[in-house]
């Protein structure tokens, strides 16, 4: 892993260590015809037990009917803001590592085949050497 990858993973781990623990659940507060840019009115929360939850994000309409997003923890907003970047990065990393693993497995199979072939050739040469040894012995006894 190169330094850029290590730094990005460290950044992601750092952000993840500061957020409200998961799982997070989206709860609709109300169905409304006042949808702006596809936003629904509701809460994103972490349920602590059957009766209580820790608020991650809250989306409410302000006095003008526009959605306002609030959070109790800036780290939650930071994670959500970086989520597309982090998920894209992690998917690319997984794809790169999967490709490298596939290549390593292919190389391993090629080496295994080469060793099998080398072993067969060795056994064949060993048998031929034994035959030649017997012929040489027969010629020297004459």
Protein backbone atom coordinates (compact mmCIF):
# COMPACT_ATOMS: atom_id res chain seq x y z
CA UNK A 1 0.00 0.00 0.00
CA UNK A 2 1.42 3.36 -0.97
CA UNK A 3 1.48 6.47 1.23
CA UNK A 4 -1.52 8.11 -0.49
CA UNK A 5 -3.64 5.02 0.12
CA UNK A 6 -2.49 4.77 3.73
CA UNK A 7 -3.22 8.47 4.30
CA UNK A 8 -6.72 8.23 2.79
CA UNK A 9 -7.54 5.14 4.87
CA UNK A 10 -6.24 6.92 7.98
CA UNK A 11 -8.47 9.91 7.16
CA UNK A 12 -11.51 7.67 6.73
CA UNK A 13 -10.78 5.78 9.97
CA UNK A 14 -10.35 9.08 11.81
CA UNK A 15 -13.73 10.38 10.62
CA UNK A 16 -15.40 7.04 11.38
CA UNK A 17 -13.99 7.01 14.92
CA UNK A 18 -15.72 10.33 15.71
CA UNK A 19 -19.23 9.68 14.39
CA UNK A 20 -22.35 8.52 16.16
CA UNK A 21 -22.20 4.71 16.12
CA UNK A 22 -24.46 2.85 13.71
CA UNK A 23 -26.70 1.54 12.57
CA UNK A 24 -28.48 4.72 11.53
CA UNK A 25 -32.19 4.73 10.67
CA UNK A 26 -34.14 7.22 8.59
CA UNK A 27 -37.55 8.07 10.04
CA UNK A 28 -40.07 10.13 8.10
CA UNK A 29 -41.71 12.80 10.28
CA UNK A 30 -44.51 13.57 7.86
CA UNK A 31 -45.50 13.23 4.25
CA UNK A 32 -45.59 16.65 2.72
CA UNK A 33 -46.09 18.21 -0.65
CA UNK A 34 -43.26 20.61 0.21
CA UNK A 35 -40.43 18.56 -1.22
CA UNK A 36 -37.39 20.58 -2.25
CA UNK A 37 -34.74 18.91 -4.40
CA UNK A 38 -36.06 15.48 -3.42
CA UNK A 39 -35.62 16.04 0.33
CA UNK A 40 -38.12 14.45 2.67
CA UNK A 41 -38.77 15.76 6.15
CA UNK A 42 -37.44 13.39 8.81
CA UNK A 43 -34.70 12.28 11.18
CA UNK A 44 -31.61 10.18 10.76
CA UNK A 45 -31.00 8.57 14.13
CA UNK A 46 -29.18 5.84 16.01
CA UNK A 47 -31.61 3.86 18.16
CA UNK A 48 -30.25 3.40 21.67
CA UNK A 49 -33.11 1.13 22.75
CA UNK A 50 -36.78 0.62 21.93
CA UNK A 51 -37.76 3.97 23.45
CA UNK A 52 -34.87 6.34 22.74
CA UNK A 53 -32.53 7.34 19.96
CA UNK A 54 -29.54 9.60 19.41
CA UNK A 55 -30.15 12.17 16.67
CA UNK A 56 -27.65 12.00 13.81
CA UNK A 57 -29.34 14.49 11.46
CA UNK A 58 -32.67 16.28 11.49
CA UNK A 59 -34.30 17.71 8.38
CA UNK A 60 -37.11 20.18 9.02
CA UNK A 61 -38.79 22.97 7.11
CA UNK A 62 -37.93 26.45 8.30
CA UNK A 63 -40.49 29.23 8.59
CA UNK A 64 -40.30 29.76 4.81
CA UNK A 65 -40.98 26.10 4.03
CA UNK A 66 -37.39 25.36 3.01
CA UNK A 67 -35.62 22.28 4.38
CA UNK A 68 -32.94 22.88 7.00
CA UNK A 69 -30.54 20.13 8.06
CA UNK A 70 -29.20 20.16 11.61
CA UNK A 71 -26.94 17.81 13.52
CA UNK A 72 -25.75 17.47 17.08
CA UNK A 73 -22.31 16.26 15.96
CA UNK A 74 -20.27 17.98 13.26
CA UNK A 75 -18.44 14.68 12.69
CA UNK A 76 -21.69 13.08 11.45
CA UNK A 77 -22.15 15.88 8.91
CA UNK A 78 -18.49 15.55 7.88
CA UNK A 79 -18.94 11.84 7.21
CA UNK A 80 -22.10 12.42 5.20
CA UNK A 81 -20.44 15.23 3.24
CA UNK A 82 -17.47 12.98 2.40
CA UNK A 83 -19.49 9.77 1.89
CA UNK A 84 -19.49 9.89 -1.94
CA UNK A 85 -15.73 10.53 -2.02
CA UNK A 86 -14.98 7.84 0.59
CA UNK A 87 -17.26 5.22 -0.93
CA UNK A 88 -15.86 5.87 -4.42
CA UNK A 89 -12.32 5.63 -3.09
CA UNK A 90 -12.98 2.42 -1.14
CA UNK A 91 -14.73 0.81 -4.14
CA UNK A 92 -11.75 1.67 -6.36
CA UNK A 93 -9.40 0.25 -3.74
CA UNK A 94 -11.44 -2.97 -3.49
CA UNK A 95 -11.50 -3.29 -7.30
CA UNK A 96 -7.74 -2.69 -7.53
CA UNK A 97 -7.01 -5.25 -4.82
CA UNK A 98 -9.42 -7.78 -6.35
CA UNK A 99 -7.68 -7.37 -9.72
CA UNK A 100 -4.26 -7.79 -8.06
CA UNK A 101 -5.53 -10.88 -6.24
CA UNK A 102 -6.86 -12.35 -9.51
CA UNK A 103 -3.50 -11.68 -11.17
CA UNK A 104 -1.63 -13.27 -8.25
CA UNK A 105 -3.91 -16.34 -8.38
CA UNK A 106 -3.30 -16.62 -12.14
CA UNK A 107 0.44 -16.35 -11.61
CA UNK A 108 0.25 -18.94 -8.84
CA UNK A 109 -1.53 -21.36 -11.17
CA UNK A 110 1.08 -20.75 -13.87
CA UNK A 111 3.90 -21.42 -11.39
CA UNK A 112 2.14 -24.55 -10.14
CA UNK A 113 1.83 -25.79 -13.72
CA UNK A 114 5.50 -24.96 -14.37
CA UNK A 115 6.56 -26.92 -11.26
CA UNK A 116 4.44 -29.91 -12.31
CA UNK A 117 5.97 -29.82 -15.78
CA UNK A 118 9.48 -29.43 -14.34
CA UNK A 119 8.84 -32.38 -12.01
CA UNK A 120 7.67 -34.50 -14.95
CA UNK A 121 10.75 -33.50 -16.95
CA UNK A 122 12.99 -34.32 -13.99
CA UNK A 123 11.43 -37.76 -13.59
CA UNK A 124 11.75 -38.37 -17.34
CA UNK A 125 15.44 -37.32 -17.30
CA UNK A 126 16.09 -39.38 -14.18
CA UNK A 127 14.64 -42.44 -15.94
CA UNK A 128 16.70 -41.70 -19.06
CA UNK A 129 19.86 -41.28 -16.95
CA UNK A 130 19.22 -44.67 -15.32
CA UNK A 131 18.82 -46.26 -18.77
CA UNK A 132 22.02 -44.66 -20.00
CA UNK A 133 23.79 -45.81 -16.84
CA UNK A 134 22.69 -49.39 -17.47
CA UNK A 135 23.80 -49.19 -21.13
CA UNK A 136 27.16 -47.76 -20.10
CA UNK A 137 27.61 -50.52 -17.56
CA UNK A 138 26.74 -53.14 -20.17
CA UNK A 139 29.28 -51.67 -22.62
CA UNK A 140 32.06 -51.56 -20.04
CA UNK A 141 31.55 -55.21 -19.09
CA UNK A 142 32.26 -56.43 -22.57
